[in-house]
Amino acid sequence: LASAFNADLGLPTFVAGLATAAGIHLRQRISPM
């Protein structure tokens, strides 16, 4: 989608990676460290 709208790819990837990590660690109630 970012490519289709000629948007930068870095920020969407960064947000997707951190959101996935946050979702998993909140669900499992473990530290992301």
PDB file of all heavy atoms in Angstrom:
ATOM      1  N   LEU A   1       0.835  -1.203   0.000  1.00  0.00           N
ATOM      2  CA  LEU A   1       0.000   0.000   0.000  1.00  0.00           C
ATOM      3  C   LEU A   1       0.872   1.257   0.000  1.00  0.00           C
ATOM      4  O   LEU A   1       0.574   2.227  -0.717  1.00  0.00           O
ATOM      5  CB  LEU A   1      -0.920  -0.001   1.224  1.00  0.00           C
ATOM      6  CG  LEU A   1      -2.033  -1.055   1.216  1.00  0.00           C
ATOM      7  CD1 LEU A   1      -2.772  -1.070   2.550  1.00  0.00           C
ATOM      8  CD2 LEU A   1      -3.014  -0.782   0.074  1.00  0.00           C
ATOM      9  N   ALA A   2       1.935   1.245   0.799  1.00  0.00           N
ATOM     10  CA  ALA A   2       2.837   2.405   0.837  1.00  0.00           C
ATOM     11  C   ALA A   2       3.459   2.653  -0.526  1.00  0.00           C
ATOM     12  O   ALA A   2       3.576   3.799  -0.982  1.00  0.00           O
ATOM     13  CB  ALA A   2       3.922   2.186   1.893  1.00  0.00           C
ATOM     14  N   SER A   3       3.843   1.567  -1.200  1.00  0.00           N
ATOM     15  CA  SER A   3       4.430   1.709  -2.529  1.00  0.00           C
ATOM     16  C   SER A   3       3.416   2.269  -3.519  1.00  0.00           C
ATOM     17  O   SER A   3       3.751   3.106  -4.367  1.00  0.00           O
ATOM     18  CB  SER A   3       4.949   0.354  -3.012  1.00  0.00           C
ATOM     19  OG  SER A   3       5.424   0.435  -4.336  1.00  0.00           O
ATOM     20  N   ALA A   4       2.171   1.807  -3.419  1.00  0.00           N
ATOM     21  CA  ALA A   4       1.132   2.269  -4.346  1.00  0.00           C
ATOM     22  C   ALA A   4       0.902   3.774  -4.221  1.00  0.00           C
ATOM     23  O   ALA A   4       0.562   4.444  -5.198  1.00  0.00           O
ATOM     24  CB  ALA A   4      -0.170   1.515  -4.088  1.00  0.00           C
ATOM     25  N   PHE A   5       1.094   4.299  -3.004  1.00  0.00           N
ATOM     26  CA  PHE A   5       0.883   5.732  -2.772  1.00  0.00           C
ATOM     27  C   PHE A   5       2.201   6.512  -2.757  1.00  0.00           C
ATOM     28  O   PHE A   5       2.229   7.669  -2.327  1.00  0.00           O
ATOM     29  CB  PHE A   5       0.133   5.943  -1.457  1.00  0.00           C
ATOM     30  CG  PHE A   5      -1.307   5.516  -1.509  1.00  0.00           C
ATOM     31  CD1 PHE A   5      -1.691   4.276  -1.014  1.00  0.00           C
ATOM     32  CD2 PHE A   5      -2.273   6.323  -2.094  1.00  0.00           C
ATOM     33  CE1 PHE A   5      -3.013   3.864  -1.068  1.00  0.00           C
ATOM     34  CE2 PHE A   5      -3.594   5.923  -2.154  1.00  0.00           C
ATOM     35  CZ  PHE A   5      -3.975   4.690  -1.649  1.00  0.00           C
ATOM     36  N   ASN A   6       3.288   5.852  -3.223  1.00  0.00           N
ATOM     37  CA  ASN A   6       4.606   6.494  -3.285  1.00  0.00           C
ATOM     38  C   ASN A   6       5.047   7.042  -1.932  1.00  0.00           C
ATOM     39  O   ASN A   6       5.694   8.091  -1.849  1.00  0.00           O
ATOM     40  CB  ASN A   6       4.607   7.629  -4.330  1.00  0.00           C
ATOM     41  CG  ASN A   6       4.535   7.102  -5.744  1.00  0.00           C
ATOM     42  OD1 ASN A   6       5.110   6.055  -6.055  1.00  0.00           O
ATOM     43  ND2 ASN A   6       3.814   7.801  -6.608  1.00  0.00           N
ATOM     44  N   ALA A   7       4.693   6.324  -0.859  1.00  0.00           N
ATOM     45  CA  ALA A   7       5.085   6.736   0.485  1.00  0.00           C
ATOM     46  C   ALA A   7       6.390   6.056   0.883  1.00  0.00           C
ATOM     47  O   ALA A   7       6.775   5.030   0.304  1.00  0.00           O
ATOM     48  CB  ALA A   7       3.983   6.383   1.492  1.00  0.00           C
ATOM     49  N   ASP A   8       7.090   6.626   1.861  1.00  0.00           N
ATOM     50  CA  ASP A   8       8.302   5.997   2.382  1.00  0.00           C
ATOM     51  C   ASP A   8       7.961   4.653   3.020  1.00  0.00           C
ATOM     52  O   ASP A   8       6.864   4.471   3.577  1.00  0.00           O
ATOM     53  CB  ASP A   8       8.969   6.902   3.417  1.00  0.00           C
ATOM     54  CG  ASP A   8       9.584   8.141   2.787  1.00  0.00           C
ATOM     55  OD1 ASP A   8       9.845   8.120   1.569  1.00  0.00           O
ATOM     56  OD2 ASP A   8       9.795   9.132   3.524  1.00  0.00           O
ATOM     57  N   LEU A   9       8.893   3.708   2.943  1.00  0.00           N
ATOM     58  CA  LEU A   9       8.646   2.362   3.453  1.00  0.00           C
ATOM     59  C   LEU A   9       9.142   2.169   4.875  1.00  0.00           C
ATOM     60  O   LEU A   9       8.728   1.233   5.560  1.00  0.00           O
ATOM     61  CB  LEU A   9       9.322   1.331   2.544  1.00  0.00           C
ATOM     62  CG  LEU A   9       8.957   1.382   1.056  1.00  0.00           C
ATOM     63  CD1 LEU A   9       9.677   0.274   0.303  1.00  0.00           C
ATOM     64  CD2 LEU A   9       7.454   1.277   0.861  1.00  0.00           C
ATOM     65  N   GLY A  10      10.040   3.049   5.339  1.00  0.00           N
ATOM     66  CA  GLY A  10      10.673   2.843   6.633  1.00  0.00           C
ATOM     67  C   GLY A  10       9.710   2.934   7.801  1.00  0.00           C
ATOM     68  O   GLY A  10       9.635   2.023   8.639  1.00  0.00           O
ATOM     69  N   LEU A  11       8.956   4.025   7.887  1.00  0.00           N
ATOM     70  CA  LEU A  11       8.065   4.226   9.032  1.00  0.00           C
ATOM     71  C   LEU A  11       6.982   3.143   9.126  1.00  0.00           C
ATOM     72  O   LEU A  11       6.748   2.610  10.217  1.00  0.00           O
ATOM     73  CB  LEU A  11       7.437   5.625   8.974  1.00  0.00           C
ATOM     74  CG  LEU A  11       6.556   6.009  10.169  1.00  0.00           C
ATOM     75  CD1 LEU A  11       7.347   5.937  11.469  1.00  0.00           C
ATOM     76  CD2 LEU A  11       5.963   7.407   9.976  1.00  0.00           C
ATOM     77  N   PRO A  12       6.307   2.773   8.013  1.00  0.00           N
ATOM     78  CA  PRO A  12       5.318   1.688   8.123  1.00  0.00           C
ATOM     79  C   PRO A  12       5.928   0.376   8.611  1.00  0.00           C
ATOM     80  O   PRO A  12       5.308  -0.331   9.417  1.00  0.00           O
ATOM     81  CB  PRO A  12       4.791   1.545   6.681  1.00  0.00           C
ATOM     82  CG  PRO A  12       5.054   2.852   6.044  1.00  0.00           C
ATOM     83  CD  PRO A  12       6.312   3.363   6.659  1.00  0.00           C
ATOM     84  N   THR A  13       7.130   0.053   8.158  1.00  0.00           N
ATOM     85  CA  THR A  13       7.784  -1.188   8.598  1.00  0.00           C
ATOM     86  C   THR A  13       8.143  -1.109  10.074  1.00  0.00           C
ATOM     87  O   THR A  13       7.973  -2.079  10.833  1.00  0.00           O
ATOM     88  CB  THR A  13       9.056  -1.431   7.765  1.00  0.00           C
ATOM     89  OG1 THR A  13       8.739  -1.350   6.381  1.00  0.00           O
ATOM     90  CG2 THR A  13       9.648  -2.797   8.062  1.00  0.00           C
ATOM     91  N   PHE A  14       8.662   0.027  10.491  1.00  0.00           N
ATOM     92  CA  PHE A  14       9.020   0.256  11.899  1.00  0.00           C
ATOM     93  C   PHE A  14       7.791   0.088  12.797  1.00  0.00           C
ATOM     94  O   PHE A  14       7.839  -0.628  13.806  1.00  0.00           O
ATOM     95  CB  PHE A  14       9.607   1.662  12.032  1.00  0.00           C
ATOM     96  CG  PHE A  14       9.946   2.075  13.430  1.00  0.00           C
ATOM     97  CD1 PHE A  14      11.126   1.659  14.030  1.00  0.00           C
ATOM     98  CD2 PHE A  14       9.085   2.893  14.154  1.00  0.00           C
ATOM     99  CE1 PHE A  14      11.440   2.042  15.324  1.00  0.00           C
ATOM    100  CE2 PHE A  14       9.390   3.290  15.445  1.00  0.00           C
ATOM    101  CZ  PHE A  14      10.573   2.856  16.033  1.00  0.00           C
ATOM    102  N   VAL A  15       6.696   0.731  12.412  1.00  0.00           N
ATOM    103  CA  VAL A  15       5.468   0.661  13.204  1.00  0.00           C
ATOM    104  C   VAL A  15       4.935  -0.769  13.231  1.00  0.00           C
ATOM    105  O   VAL A  15       4.520  -1.274  14.285  1.00  0.00           O
ATOM    106  CB  VAL A  15       4.405   1.630  12.649  1.00  0.00           C
ATOM    107  CG1 VAL A  15       3.057   1.403  13.322  1.00  0.00           C
ATOM    108  CG2 VAL A  15       4.858   3.074  12.837  1.00  0.00           C
ATOM    109  N   ALA A  16       4.961  -1.448  12.072  1.00  0.00           N
ATOM    110  CA  ALA A  16       4.453  -2.825  12.008  1.00  0.00           C
ATOM    111  C   ALA A  16       5.276  -3.756  12.891  1.00  0.00           C
ATOM    112  O   ALA A  16       4.722  -4.602  13.609  1.00  0.00           O
ATOM    113  CB  ALA A  16       4.471  -3.314  10.560  1.00  0.00           C
ATOM    114  N   GLY A  17       6.593  -3.602  12.862  1.00  0.00           N
ATOM    115  CA  GLY A  17       7.459  -4.448  13.685  1.00  0.00           C
ATOM    116  C   GLY A  17       7.235  -4.232  15.167  1.00  0.00           C
ATOM    117  O   GLY A  17       7.078  -5.186  15.935  1.00  0.00           O
ATOM    118  N   LEU A  18       7.199  -2.956  15.587  1.00  0.00           N
ATOM    119  CA  LEU A  18       7.012  -2.669  17.012  1.00  0.00           C
ATOM    120  C   LEU A  18       5.604  -3.022  17.477  1.00  0.00           C
ATOM    121  O   LEU A  18       5.414  -3.492  18.610  1.00  0.00           O
ATOM    122  CB  LEU A  18       7.303  -1.189  17.275  1.00  0.00           C
ATOM    123  CG  LEU A  18       8.754  -0.739  17.103  1.00  0.00           C
ATOM    124  CD1 LEU A  18       8.955   0.652  17.698  1.00  0.00           C
ATOM    125  CD2 LEU A  18       9.736  -1.707  17.751  1.00  0.00           C
ATOM    126  N   ALA A  19       4.593  -2.812  16.611  1.00  0.00           N
ATOM    127  CA  ALA A  19       3.218  -3.163  16.983  1.00  0.00           C
ATOM    128  C   ALA A  19       3.074  -4.670  17.165  1.00  0.00           C
ATOM    129  O   ALA A  19       2.408  -5.133  18.104  1.00  0.00           O
ATOM    130  CB  ALA A  19       2.239  -2.659  15.926  1.00  0.00           C
ATOM    131  N   THR A  20       3.698  -5.441  16.291  1.00  0.00           N
ATOM    132  CA  THR A  20       3.655  -6.901  16.421  1.00  0.00           C
ATOM    133  C   THR A  20       4.321  -7.341  17.718  1.00  0.00           C
ATOM    134  O   THR A  20       3.780  -8.179  18.461  1.00  0.00           O
ATOM    135  CB  THR A  20       4.354  -7.565  15.220  1.00  0.00           C
ATOM    136  OG1 THR A  20       3.724  -7.146  13.997  1.00  0.00           O
ATOM    137  CG2 THR A  20       4.295  -9.081  15.323  1.00  0.00           C
ATOM    138  N   ALA A  21       5.498  -6.769  17.994  1.00  0.00           N
ATOM    139  CA  ALA A  21       6.213  -7.119  19.231  1.00  0.00           C
ATOM    140  C   ALA A  21       5.395  -6.733  20.455  1.00  0.00           C
ATOM    141  O   ALA A  21       5.277  -7.516  21.420  1.00  0.00           O
ATOM    142  CB  ALA A  21       7.571  -6.428  19.256  1.00  0.00           C
ATOM    143  N   ALA A  22       4.815  -5.532  20.438  1.00  0.00           N
ATOM    144  CA  ALA A  22       4.028  -5.076  21.590  1.00  0.00           C
ATOM    145  C   ALA A  22       2.810  -5.973  21.800  1.00  0.00           C
ATOM    146  O   ALA A  22       2.496  -6.354  22.945  1.00  0.00           O
ATOM    147  CB  ALA A  22       3.588  -3.631  21.372  1.00  0.00           C
ATOM    148  N   GLY A  23       2.108  -6.322  20.715  1.00  0.00           N
ATOM    149  CA  GLY A  23       0.923  -7.164  20.827  1.00  0.00           C
ATOM    150  C   GLY A  23       1.243  -8.525  21.428  1.00  0.00           C
ATOM    151  O   GLY A  23       0.527  -9.015  22.313  1.00  0.00           O
ATOM    152  N   ILE A  24       2.351  -9.135  20.959  1.00  0.00           N
ATOM    153  CA  ILE A  24       2.729 -10.461  21.457  1.00  0.00           C
ATOM    154  C   ILE A  24       3.147 -10.405  22.917  1.00  0.00           C
ATOM    155  O   ILE A  24       2.728 -11.239  23.742  1.00  0.00           O
ATOM    156  CB  ILE A  24       3.858 -11.046  20.579  1.00  0.00           C
ATOM    157  CG1 ILE A  24       3.314 -11.385  19.194  1.00  0.00           C
ATOM    158  CG2 ILE A  24       4.471 -12.277  21.233  1.00  0.00           C
ATOM    159  CD1 ILE A  24       4.376 -11.801  18.206  1.00  0.00           C
ATOM    160  N   HIS A  25       3.941  -9.412  23.274  1.00  0.00           N
ATOM    161  CA  HIS A  25       4.449  -9.355  24.644  1.00  0.00           C
ATOM    162  C   HIS A  25       3.368  -8.943  25.638  1.00  0.00           C
ATOM    163  O   HIS A  25       3.376  -9.384  26.799  1.00  0.00           O
ATOM    164  CB  HIS A  25       5.659  -8.424  24.714  1.00  0.00           C
ATOM    165  CG  HIS A  25       6.886  -9.001  24.090  1.00  0.00           C
ATOM    166  ND1 HIS A  25       7.262  -8.702  22.804  1.00  0.00           N
ATOM    167  CD2 HIS A  25       7.795  -9.899  24.542  1.00  0.00           C
ATOM    168  CE1 HIS A  25       8.367  -9.368  22.503  1.00  0.00           C
ATOM    169  NE2 HIS A  25       8.706 -10.105  23.537  1.00  0.00           N
ATOM    170  N   LEU A  26       2.415  -8.121  25.210  1.00  0.00           N
ATOM    171  CA  LEU A  26       1.290  -7.791  26.088  1.00  0.00           C
ATOM    172  C   LEU A  26       0.398  -9.012  26.287  1.00  0.00           C
ATOM    173  O   LEU A  26      -0.083  -9.276  27.401  1.00  0.00           O
ATOM    174  CB  LEU A  26       0.477  -6.640  25.491  1.00  0.00           C
ATOM    175  CG  LEU A  26       1.109  -5.249  25.591  1.00  0.00           C
ATOM    176  CD1 LEU A  26       0.283  -4.225  24.824  1.00  0.00           C
ATOM    177  CD2 LEU A  26       1.242  -4.830  27.068  1.00  0.00           C
ATOM    178  N   ARG A  27       0.203  -9.768  25.222  1.00  0.00           N
ATOM    179  CA  ARG A  27      -0.628 -10.972  25.304  1.00  0.00           C
ATOM    180  C   ARG A  27       0.024 -12.016  26.210  1.00  0.00           C
ATOM    181  O   ARG A  27      -0.647 -12.685  27.002  1.00  0.00           O
ATOM    182  CB  ARG A  27      -0.855 -11.534  23.903  1.00  0.00           C
ATOM    183  CG  ARG A  27      -1.705 -12.802  23.856  1.00  0.00           C
ATOM    184  CD  ARG A  27      -1.747 -13.347  22.435  1.00  0.00           C
ATOM    185  NE  ARG A  27      -2.439 -14.619  22.387  1.00  0.00           N
ATOM    186  CZ  ARG A  27      -3.733 -14.774  22.134  1.00  0.00           C
ATOM    187  NH1 ARG A  27      -4.482 -13.700  21.921  1.00  0.00           N
ATOM    188  NH2 ARG A  27      -4.281 -15.978  22.085  1.00  0.00           N
ATOM    189  N   GLN A  28       1.332 -12.164  26.069  1.00  0.00           N
ATOM    190  CA  GLN A  28       2.045 -13.171  26.857  1.00  0.00           C
ATOM    191  C   GLN A  28       2.506 -12.643  28.219  1.00  0.00           C
ATOM    192  O   GLN A  28       2.993 -13.418  29.040  1.00  0.00           O
ATOM    193  CB  GLN A  28       3.263 -13.684  26.063  1.00  0.00           C
ATOM    194  CG  GLN A  28       2.887 -14.401  24.772  1.00  0.00           C
ATOM    195  CD  GLN A  28       4.107 -14.878  24.004  1.00  0.00           C
ATOM    196  OE1 GLN A  28       5.234 -14.432  24.250  1.00  0.00           O
ATOM    197  NE2 GLN A  28       3.895 -15.775  23.054  1.00  0.00           N
ATOM    198  N   ARG A  29       2.378 -11.332  28.416  1.00  0.00           N
ATOM    199  CA  ARG A  29       2.773 -10.688  29.679  1.00  0.00           C
ATOM    200  C   ARG A  29       4.231 -10.984  30.025  1.00  0.00           C
ATOM    201  O   ARG A  29       4.562 -11.379  31.153  1.00  0.00           O
ATOM    202  CB  ARG A  29       1.845 -11.128  30.819  1.00  0.00           C
ATOM    203  CG  ARG A  29       0.407 -10.704  30.612  1.00  0.00           C
ATOM    204  CD  ARG A  29      -0.456 -11.083  31.784  1.00  0.00           C
ATOM    205  NE  ARG A  29      -1.834 -10.652  31.577  1.00  0.00           N
ATOM    206  CZ  ARG A  29      -2.823 -10.828  32.458  1.00  0.00           C
ATOM    207  NH1 ARG A  29      -2.577 -11.443  33.613  1.00  0.00           N
ATOM    208  NH2 ARG A  29      -4.048 -10.421  32.176  1.00  0.00           N
ATOM    209  N   ILE A  30       5.087 -10.789  29.024  1.00  0.00           N
ATOM    210  CA  ILE A  30       6.523 -10.974  29.238  1.00  0.00           C
ATOM    211  C   ILE A  30       7.253  -9.725  28.771  1.00  0.00           C
ATOM    212  O   ILE A  30       6.722  -8.916  28.018  1.00  0.00           O
ATOM    213  CB  ILE A  30       7.067 -12.217  28.490  1.00  0.00           C
ATOM    214  CG1 ILE A  30       6.790 -12.079  26.979  1.00  0.00           C
ATOM    215  CG2 ILE A  30       6.473 -13.495  29.043  1.00  0.00           C
ATOM    216  CD1 ILE A  30       7.387 -13.199  26.150  1.00  0.00           C
ATOM    217  N   SER A  31       8.479  -9.579  29.223  1.00  0.00           N
ATOM    218  CA  SER A  31       9.280  -8.400  28.877  1.00  0.00           C
ATOM    219  C   SER A  31       9.771  -8.487  27.428  1.00  0.00           C
ATOM    220  O   SER A  31      10.155  -9.565  26.965  1.00  0.00           O
ATOM    221  CB  SER A  31      10.486  -8.295  29.809  1.00  0.00           C
ATOM    222  OG  SER A  31      11.393  -7.308  29.341  1.00  0.00           O
ATOM    223  N   PRO A  32       9.762  -7.360  26.702  1.00  0.00           N
ATOM    224  CA  PRO A  32      10.297  -7.355  25.342  1.00  0.00           C
ATOM    225  C   PRO A  32      11.820  -7.280  25.294  1.00  0.00           C
ATOM    226  O   PRO A  32      12.410  -7.337  24.210  1.00  0.00           O
ATOM    227  CB  PRO A  32       9.680  -6.093  24.735  1.00  0.00           C
ATOM    228  CG  PRO A  32       9.528  -5.168  25.903  1.00  0.00           C
ATOM    229  CD  PRO A  32       9.193  -6.052  27.076  1.00  0.00           C
ATOM    230  N   MET A  33      12.458  -7.151  26.454  1.00  0.00           N
ATOM    231  CA  MET A  33      13.905  -6.937  26.471  1.00  0.00           C
ATOM    232  C   MET A  33      14.697  -8.069  25.813  1.00  0.00           C
ATOM    233  O   MET A  33      15.698  -7.795  25.125  1.00  0.00           O
ATOM    234  CB  MET A  33      14.395  -6.711  27.905  1.00  0.00           C
ATOM    235  CG  MET A  33      13.961  -5.371  28.493  1.00  0.00           C
ATOM    236  SD  MET A  33      14.293  -3.968  27.399  1.00  0.00           S
ATOM    237  CE  MET A  33      16.081  -4.046  27.324  1.00  0.00           C
TER     238      MET A  33
END
